[in-house]
């Protein structure tokens, strides 16, 4: 381990074979994208090899958040990531929602937090509900 380094990370085209390869080498899956890459036809993924105690804590939190979002990621992608049930809005969700509201995050990247918001909110948000719950285009949802 090099002094002052907390972790190594790798981005790759997500498929079970590559995920297994990186896992066998000590890397932990922490992120899976919601759109396929044009060049590979696979979803992007990020795995991290923690080198410090702080990085181990970071990886543990990132893995928890990935599992928390996995149900919704699976809906968007057709993947079968391991999911846990936790639909309470948390600080990370509010950061994602703020990023989405200010145009810094895409709808698909914000989808899990948006779905949790819809489950907990008494706001009508008709177009967003139609888009998410019925898988209809946003153009159709807004015109309905």
N, C-alpha and C. Protein backbone atom coordinates (compact mmCIF):
# COMPACT_ATOMS: atom_id res chain seq x y z
N UNK A 1 0.84 -1.18 0.00
CA UNK A 1 0.00 0.00 0.00
C UNK A 1 0.89 1.24 0.00
N UNK A 2 0.55 2.19 -0.88
CA UNK A 2 1.30 3.43 -0.93
C UNK A 2 0.81 4.37 0.15
N UNK A 3 1.74 5.05 0.78
CA UNK A 3 1.41 6.02 1.82
C UNK A 3 0.54 7.13 1.24
N UNK A 4 -0.50 7.49 1.95
CA UNK A 4 -1.37 8.59 1.53
C UNK A 4 -2.45 8.21 0.53
N UNK A 5 -2.53 6.96 0.16
CA UNK A 5 -3.57 6.50 -0.78
C UNK A 5 -4.68 5.82 0.02
N UNK A 6 -5.91 6.19 -0.28
CA UNK A 6 -7.05 5.60 0.43
C UNK A 6 -7.67 4.43 -0.32
N UNK A 7 -7.71 4.53 -1.66
CA UNK A 7 -8.35 3.46 -2.42
C UNK A 7 -7.92 3.50 -3.88
N UNK A 8 -8.17 2.40 -4.55
CA UNK A 8 -8.06 2.32 -6.00
C UNK A 8 -9.47 2.11 -6.52
N UNK A 9 -9.76 2.66 -7.68
CA UNK A 9 -11.09 2.45 -8.25
C UNK A 9 -10.95 2.09 -9.73
N UNK A 10 -11.99 1.43 -10.21
CA UNK A 10 -12.02 1.03 -11.61
C UNK A 10 -13.44 1.23 -12.12
N UNK A 11 -13.54 1.73 -13.33
CA UNK A 11 -14.82 1.80 -14.03
C UNK A 11 -14.78 0.74 -15.13
N UNK A 12 -15.89 0.06 -15.32
CA UNK A 12 -15.92 -1.00 -16.31
C UNK A 12 -17.34 -1.20 -16.83
N UNK A 13 -17.43 -1.92 -17.94
CA UNK A 13 -18.73 -2.27 -18.52
C UNK A 13 -19.30 -3.41 -17.68
N UNK A 14 -20.45 -3.17 -17.03
CA UNK A 14 -20.98 -4.13 -16.08
C UNK A 14 -21.51 -5.39 -16.77
N UNK A 15 -20.92 -6.51 -16.41
CA UNK A 15 -21.45 -7.83 -16.72
C UNK A 15 -20.96 -8.72 -15.59
N UNK A 16 -21.63 -9.82 -15.38
CA UNK A 16 -21.30 -10.67 -14.24
C UNK A 16 -19.86 -11.17 -14.28
N UNK A 17 -19.33 -11.45 -15.47
CA UNK A 17 -17.97 -11.95 -15.58
C UNK A 17 -16.95 -10.91 -15.11
N UNK A 18 -17.11 -9.66 -15.56
CA UNK A 18 -16.18 -8.61 -15.14
C UNK A 18 -16.38 -8.26 -13.66
N UNK A 19 -17.61 -8.25 -13.22
CA UNK A 19 -17.87 -8.00 -11.81
C UNK A 19 -17.18 -9.06 -10.96
N UNK A 20 -17.27 -10.31 -11.37
CA UNK A 20 -16.63 -11.42 -10.65
C UNK A 20 -15.11 -11.27 -10.65
N UNK A 21 -14.55 -10.89 -11.78
CA UNK A 21 -13.10 -10.69 -11.88
C UNK A 21 -12.63 -9.64 -10.87
N UNK A 22 -13.29 -8.50 -10.87
CA UNK A 22 -12.88 -7.42 -9.96
C UNK A 22 -13.11 -7.81 -8.51
N UNK A 23 -14.20 -8.51 -8.23
CA UNK A 23 -14.49 -8.95 -6.87
C UNK A 23 -13.41 -9.93 -6.38
N UNK A 24 -13.00 -10.83 -7.24
CA UNK A 24 -11.95 -11.80 -6.88
C UNK A 24 -10.62 -11.10 -6.56
N UNK A 25 -10.45 -9.89 -7.07
CA UNK A 25 -9.23 -9.12 -6.83
C UNK A 25 -9.40 -8.09 -5.72
N UNK A 26 -10.46 -8.23 -4.93
CA UNK A 26 -10.64 -7.40 -3.74
C UNK A 26 -11.43 -6.12 -3.94
N UNK A 27 -11.93 -5.88 -5.15
CA UNK A 27 -12.70 -4.68 -5.42
C UNK A 27 -14.17 -4.91 -5.05
N UNK A 28 -14.82 -3.85 -4.61
CA UNK A 28 -16.22 -3.90 -4.19
C UNK A 28 -17.06 -3.02 -5.10
N UNK A 29 -18.13 -3.58 -5.64
CA UNK A 29 -19.04 -2.82 -6.50
C UNK A 29 -19.73 -1.74 -5.67
N UNK A 30 -19.65 -0.49 -6.14
CA UNK A 30 -20.25 0.62 -5.40
C UNK A 30 -21.22 1.46 -6.24
N UNK A 31 -21.21 1.26 -7.55
CA UNK A 31 -22.09 2.07 -8.40
C UNK A 31 -22.35 1.34 -9.71
N UNK A 32 -23.60 1.42 -10.17
CA UNK A 32 -23.97 0.93 -11.50
C UNK A 32 -24.80 2.02 -12.15
N UNK A 33 -24.44 2.39 -13.36
CA UNK A 33 -25.16 3.43 -14.08
C UNK A 33 -26.52 2.96 -14.56
N UNK A 34 -27.32 3.90 -14.99
CA UNK A 34 -28.69 3.58 -15.41
C UNK A 34 -28.88 3.65 -16.92
N UNK A 35 -27.81 3.94 -17.64
CA UNK A 35 -27.87 3.98 -19.10
C UNK A 35 -26.74 3.17 -19.69
N UNK A 36 -27.03 2.51 -20.81
CA UNK A 36 -26.00 1.72 -21.47
C UNK A 36 -25.01 2.62 -22.19
N UNK A 37 -23.77 2.21 -22.16
CA UNK A 37 -22.73 2.91 -22.89
C UNK A 37 -22.86 2.59 -24.37
N UNK A 38 -22.68 3.59 -25.21
CA UNK A 38 -22.82 3.40 -26.65
C UNK A 38 -21.77 2.44 -27.21
N UNK A 39 -20.57 2.49 -26.69
CA UNK A 39 -19.50 1.68 -27.25
C UNK A 39 -19.59 0.21 -26.88
N UNK A 40 -19.95 -0.09 -25.63
CA UNK A 40 -19.95 -1.49 -25.19
C UNK A 40 -21.34 -2.12 -25.18
N UNK A 41 -22.37 -1.29 -25.05
CA UNK A 41 -23.72 -1.82 -24.91
C UNK A 41 -24.04 -2.30 -23.51
N UNK A 42 -23.13 -2.05 -22.56
CA UNK A 42 -23.32 -2.43 -21.16
C UNK A 42 -23.48 -1.19 -20.29
N UNK A 43 -24.03 -1.40 -19.11
CA UNK A 43 -24.12 -0.32 -18.14
C UNK A 43 -22.74 -0.10 -17.52
N UNK A 44 -22.45 1.13 -17.16
CA UNK A 44 -21.17 1.42 -16.51
C UNK A 44 -21.24 1.02 -15.04
N UNK A 45 -20.10 0.65 -14.51
CA UNK A 45 -20.02 0.27 -13.11
C UNK A 45 -18.72 0.81 -12.54
N UNK A 46 -18.72 0.99 -11.23
CA UNK A 46 -17.52 1.40 -10.52
C UNK A 46 -17.31 0.45 -9.35
N UNK A 47 -16.08 0.01 -9.21
CA UNK A 47 -15.70 -0.83 -8.07
C UNK A 47 -14.49 -0.19 -7.40
N UNK A 48 -14.40 -0.39 -6.08
CA UNK A 48 -13.35 0.25 -5.29
C UNK A 48 -12.62 -0.80 -4.46
N UNK A 49 -11.30 -0.65 -4.40
CA UNK A 49 -10.45 -1.46 -3.53
C UNK A 49 -9.99 -0.54 -2.39
N UNK A 50 -10.53 -0.73 -1.19
CA UNK A 50 -10.15 0.16 -0.09
C UNK A 50 -8.75 -0.17 0.43
N UNK A 51 -7.96 0.88 0.68
CA UNK A 51 -6.59 0.70 1.18
C UNK A 51 -6.43 1.24 2.59
N UNK A 52 -7.40 1.99 3.07
CA UNK A 52 -7.32 2.58 4.40
C UNK A 52 -8.61 2.31 5.17
N UNK A 53 -8.58 2.58 6.45
CA UNK A 53 -9.77 2.42 7.28
C UNK A 53 -10.87 3.37 6.81
N UNK A 54 -10.51 4.59 6.49
CA UNK A 54 -11.50 5.56 6.01
C UNK A 54 -12.14 5.07 4.71
N UNK A 55 -11.35 4.49 3.83
CA UNK A 55 -11.88 3.98 2.56
C UNK A 55 -12.79 2.78 2.80
N UNK A 56 -12.48 1.95 3.76
CA UNK A 56 -13.35 0.81 4.09
C UNK A 56 -14.72 1.32 4.53
N UNK A 57 -14.74 2.38 5.32
CA UNK A 57 -16.02 2.97 5.75
C UNK A 57 -16.76 3.56 4.57
N UNK A 58 -16.04 4.24 3.69
CA UNK A 58 -16.63 4.81 2.49
C UNK A 58 -17.24 3.72 1.61
N UNK A 59 -16.52 2.64 1.40
CA UNK A 59 -17.00 1.53 0.58
C UNK A 59 -18.22 0.89 1.21
N UNK A 60 -18.19 0.72 2.51
CA UNK A 60 -19.34 0.13 3.20
C UNK A 60 -20.60 0.98 3.00
N UNK A 61 -20.46 2.29 3.12
CA UNK A 61 -21.60 3.19 2.92
C UNK A 61 -22.05 3.17 1.46
N UNK A 62 -21.11 3.19 0.53
CA UNK A 62 -21.45 3.18 -0.90
C UNK A 62 -22.15 1.87 -1.28
N UNK A 63 -21.70 0.75 -0.73
CA UNK A 63 -22.36 -0.53 -1.01
C UNK A 63 -23.78 -0.54 -0.46
N UNK A 64 -23.96 0.02 0.73
CA UNK A 64 -25.30 0.10 1.31
C UNK A 64 -26.22 0.94 0.41
N UNK A 65 -25.72 2.08 -0.04
CA UNK A 65 -26.53 2.95 -0.90
C UNK A 65 -26.85 2.28 -2.23
N UNK A 66 -25.91 1.53 -2.78
CA UNK A 66 -26.17 0.81 -4.03
C UNK A 66 -27.26 -0.25 -3.81
N UNK A 67 -27.16 -1.01 -2.74
CA UNK A 67 -28.19 -2.02 -2.45
C UNK A 67 -29.53 -1.36 -2.18
N UNK A 68 -29.52 -0.21 -1.57
CA UNK A 68 -30.74 0.54 -1.30
C UNK A 68 -31.41 1.00 -2.59
N UNK A 69 -30.60 1.39 -3.57
CA UNK A 69 -31.12 1.85 -4.86
C UNK A 69 -31.34 0.72 -5.85
N UNK A 70 -30.86 -0.48 -5.55
CA UNK A 70 -30.83 -1.58 -6.52
C UNK A 70 -32.21 -1.95 -7.05
N UNK A 71 -33.23 -1.93 -6.21
CA UNK A 71 -34.58 -2.27 -6.68
C UNK A 71 -34.97 -1.37 -7.84
N UNK A 72 -34.71 -0.07 -7.71
CA UNK A 72 -35.08 0.89 -8.76
C UNK A 72 -34.12 0.82 -9.95
N UNK A 73 -32.85 0.58 -9.69
CA UNK A 73 -31.89 0.40 -10.78
C UNK A 73 -32.29 -0.82 -11.61
N UNK A 74 -32.67 -1.88 -10.92
CA UNK A 74 -33.11 -3.09 -11.62
C UNK A 74 -34.33 -2.81 -12.50
N UNK A 75 -35.26 -1.97 -12.01
CA UNK A 75 -36.44 -1.60 -12.81
C UNK A 75 -36.03 -0.90 -14.09
N UNK A 76 -35.07 0.00 -13.99
CA UNK A 76 -34.63 0.77 -15.16
C UNK A 76 -33.79 -0.05 -16.13
N UNK A 77 -33.01 -0.97 -15.60
CA UNK A 77 -32.00 -1.63 -16.42
C UNK A 77 -32.28 -3.09 -16.76
N UNK A 78 -33.12 -3.74 -15.98
CA UNK A 78 -33.33 -5.17 -16.16
C UNK A 78 -32.24 -6.02 -15.51
N UNK A 79 -31.31 -5.38 -14.79
CA UNK A 79 -30.28 -6.12 -14.07
C UNK A 79 -30.89 -6.78 -12.83
N UNK A 80 -30.11 -7.60 -12.18
CA UNK A 80 -30.59 -8.28 -10.97
C UNK A 80 -29.61 -8.04 -9.82
N UNK A 81 -29.38 -6.78 -9.53
CA UNK A 81 -28.51 -6.42 -8.41
C UNK A 81 -29.20 -6.79 -7.10
N UNK A 82 -28.42 -7.13 -6.09
CA UNK A 82 -28.97 -7.44 -4.78
C UNK A 82 -29.53 -6.17 -4.16
N UNK A 83 -30.79 -6.25 -3.72
CA UNK A 83 -31.48 -5.08 -3.18
C UNK A 83 -31.87 -5.30 -1.72
N UNK A 84 -31.93 -4.20 -0.99
CA UNK A 84 -32.49 -4.22 0.36
C UNK A 84 -33.68 -3.27 0.38
N UNK A 85 -34.54 -3.44 1.34
CA UNK A 85 -35.72 -2.59 1.44
C UNK A 85 -35.47 -1.47 2.44
N UNK A 86 -35.39 -0.25 1.94
CA UNK A 86 -35.23 0.94 2.79
C UNK A 86 -35.73 2.12 1.97
N UNK A 87 -36.98 2.48 2.18
CA UNK A 87 -37.58 3.55 1.38
C UNK A 87 -37.75 4.86 2.14
N UNK A 88 -37.00 5.03 3.22
CA UNK A 88 -37.03 6.30 3.94
C UNK A 88 -36.08 7.28 3.24
N UNK A 89 -36.55 8.50 3.06
CA UNK A 89 -35.69 9.53 2.49
C UNK A 89 -34.58 9.84 3.48
N UNK A 90 -33.35 9.99 2.97
CA UNK A 90 -32.23 10.33 3.84
C UNK A 90 -31.47 11.52 3.24
N UNK A 91 -30.39 11.90 3.89
CA UNK A 91 -29.61 13.06 3.45
C UNK A 91 -29.08 12.89 2.02
N UNK A 92 -28.63 11.69 1.68
CA UNK A 92 -28.14 11.45 0.33
C UNK A 92 -29.25 11.66 -0.70
N UNK A 93 -30.48 11.22 -0.37
CA UNK A 93 -31.60 11.42 -1.28
C UNK A 93 -31.85 12.90 -1.52
N UNK A 94 -31.82 13.69 -0.46
CA UNK A 94 -32.07 15.14 -0.61
C UNK A 94 -30.98 15.79 -1.45
N UNK A 95 -29.75 15.32 -1.32
CA UNK A 95 -28.67 15.86 -2.17
C UNK A 95 -28.91 15.50 -3.63
N UNK A 96 -29.33 14.26 -3.88
CA UNK A 96 -29.63 13.82 -5.25
C UNK A 96 -30.79 14.63 -5.80
N UNK A 97 -31.85 14.80 -5.01
CA UNK A 97 -33.03 15.55 -5.46
C UNK A 97 -32.69 17.00 -5.75
N UNK A 98 -31.84 17.60 -4.93
CA UNK A 98 -31.41 18.98 -5.19
C UNK A 98 -30.61 19.04 -6.50
N UNK A 99 -29.73 18.07 -6.71
CA UNK A 99 -28.97 18.02 -7.96
C UNK A 99 -29.88 17.89 -9.17
N UNK A 100 -30.92 17.07 -9.04
CA UNK A 100 -31.90 16.91 -10.12
C UNK A 100 -32.67 18.21 -10.35
N UNK A 101 -33.13 18.82 -9.26
CA UNK A 101 -33.93 20.04 -9.36
C UNK A 101 -33.16 21.17 -10.03
N UNK A 102 -31.84 21.22 -9.81
CA UNK A 102 -31.01 22.28 -10.40
C UNK A 102 -30.36 21.86 -11.71
N UNK A 103 -30.78 20.72 -12.25
CA UNK A 103 -30.30 20.30 -13.56
C UNK A 103 -28.92 19.68 -13.57
N UNK A 104 -28.40 19.30 -12.41
CA UNK A 104 -27.06 18.73 -12.35
C UNK A 104 -27.05 17.20 -12.37
N UNK A 105 -28.21 16.58 -12.25
CA UNK A 105 -28.32 15.12 -12.29
C UNK A 105 -29.45 14.74 -13.23
N UNK A 106 -29.27 13.68 -13.96
CA UNK A 106 -30.30 13.23 -14.89
C UNK A 106 -31.46 12.57 -14.14
N UNK A 107 -32.59 12.45 -14.83
CA UNK A 107 -33.74 11.78 -14.24
C UNK A 107 -33.39 10.35 -13.88
N UNK A 108 -32.74 9.63 -14.80
CA UNK A 108 -32.44 8.22 -14.53
C UNK A 108 -31.47 8.06 -13.36
N UNK A 109 -30.49 8.95 -13.23
CA UNK A 109 -29.56 8.88 -12.11
C UNK A 109 -30.24 9.24 -10.79
N UNK A 110 -31.32 9.99 -10.85
CA UNK A 110 -32.05 10.43 -9.66
C UNK A 110 -33.27 9.56 -9.36
N UNK A 111 -33.55 8.62 -10.23
CA UNK A 111 -34.78 7.83 -10.17
C UNK A 111 -35.05 7.20 -8.80
N UNK A 112 -34.09 6.53 -8.15
CA UNK A 112 -34.40 5.95 -6.84
C UNK A 112 -34.85 6.99 -5.82
N UNK A 113 -34.17 8.12 -5.76
CA UNK A 113 -34.55 9.17 -4.80
C UNK A 113 -35.91 9.77 -5.15
N UNK A 114 -36.18 9.94 -6.45
CA UNK A 114 -37.48 10.46 -6.88
C UNK A 114 -38.59 9.49 -6.47
N UNK A 115 -38.37 8.19 -6.69
CA UNK A 115 -39.39 7.20 -6.29
C UNK A 115 -39.63 7.22 -4.79
N UNK A 116 -38.57 7.34 -4.00
CA UNK A 116 -38.76 7.42 -2.54
C UNK A 116 -39.52 8.68 -2.16
N UNK A 117 -39.22 9.79 -2.83
CA UNK A 117 -39.95 11.04 -2.58
C UNK A 117 -41.43 10.85 -2.89
N UNK A 118 -41.74 10.25 -4.02
CA UNK A 118 -43.14 10.04 -4.40
C UNK A 118 -43.87 9.16 -3.39
N UNK A 119 -43.18 8.18 -2.84
CA UNK A 119 -43.81 7.30 -1.86
C UNK A 119 -44.11 8.03 -0.54
N UNK A 120 -43.32 9.03 -0.20
CA UNK A 120 -43.43 9.69 1.09
C UNK A 120 -44.15 11.04 1.02
N UNK A 121 -44.30 11.58 -0.17
CA UNK A 121 -44.82 12.94 -0.30
C UNK A 121 -46.32 12.96 -0.52
N UNK A 122 -46.95 13.97 0.07
CA UNK A 122 -48.37 14.18 -0.18
C UNK A 122 -48.59 15.14 -1.35
N UNK A 123 -47.48 15.65 -1.92
CA UNK A 123 -47.59 16.51 -3.09
C UNK A 123 -48.14 15.72 -4.27
N UNK A 124 -48.90 16.37 -5.10
CA UNK A 124 -49.53 15.69 -6.22
C UNK A 124 -48.49 15.21 -7.23
N UNK A 125 -47.66 16.10 -7.75
CA UNK A 125 -46.59 15.77 -8.70
C UNK A 125 -47.08 14.83 -9.81
N UNK A 126 -48.19 15.18 -10.41
CA UNK A 126 -48.90 14.30 -11.34
C UNK A 126 -48.02 13.78 -12.48
N UNK A 127 -47.35 14.66 -13.18
CA UNK A 127 -46.55 14.22 -14.33
C UNK A 127 -45.44 13.27 -13.91
N UNK A 128 -44.78 13.57 -12.81
CA UNK A 128 -43.70 12.71 -12.34
C UNK A 128 -44.24 11.34 -11.93
N UNK A 129 -45.39 11.32 -11.25
CA UNK A 129 -45.99 10.04 -10.84
C UNK A 129 -46.38 9.22 -12.07
N UNK A 130 -47.00 9.85 -13.05
CA UNK A 130 -47.39 9.14 -14.27
C UNK A 130 -46.16 8.56 -14.96
N UNK A 131 -45.13 9.38 -15.07
CA UNK A 131 -43.89 8.94 -15.74
C UNK A 131 -43.27 7.74 -15.01
N UNK A 132 -43.16 7.82 -13.70
CA UNK A 132 -42.51 6.76 -12.92
C UNK A 132 -43.36 5.51 -12.78
N UNK A 133 -44.61 5.69 -12.44
CA UNK A 133 -45.45 4.55 -12.08
C UNK A 133 -46.02 3.82 -13.29
N UNK A 134 -46.12 4.48 -14.42
CA UNK A 134 -46.69 3.84 -15.61
C UNK A 134 -45.70 3.71 -16.75
N UNK A 135 -44.44 4.12 -16.48
CA UNK A 135 -43.37 3.99 -17.46
C UNK A 135 -43.73 4.64 -18.80
N UNK A 136 -44.37 5.80 -18.71
CA UNK A 136 -44.73 6.55 -19.91
C UNK A 136 -43.73 7.68 -20.11
N UNK A 137 -43.59 8.14 -21.32
CA UNK A 137 -42.64 9.21 -21.60
C UNK A 137 -43.04 10.47 -20.83
N UNK A 138 -42.05 11.27 -20.52
CA UNK A 138 -42.30 12.51 -19.79
C UNK A 138 -43.17 13.43 -20.66
N UNK A 139 -42.97 13.43 -21.97
CA UNK A 139 -43.79 14.24 -22.87
C UNK A 139 -45.26 13.86 -22.74
N UNK A 140 -45.55 12.56 -22.72
CA UNK A 140 -46.94 12.09 -22.57
C UNK A 140 -47.46 12.43 -21.17
N UNK A 141 -46.63 12.22 -20.15
CA UNK A 141 -47.06 12.47 -18.77
C UNK A 141 -47.44 13.94 -18.56
N UNK A 142 -46.67 14.86 -19.14
CA UNK A 142 -46.94 16.28 -18.99
C UNK A 142 -48.20 16.68 -19.74
N UNK A 143 -48.46 16.05 -20.89
CA UNK A 143 -49.63 16.41 -21.69
C UNK A 143 -50.91 15.77 -21.18
N UNK A 144 -50.80 14.80 -20.27
CA UNK A 144 -52.00 14.11 -19.75
C UNK A 144 -52.76 14.95 -18.75
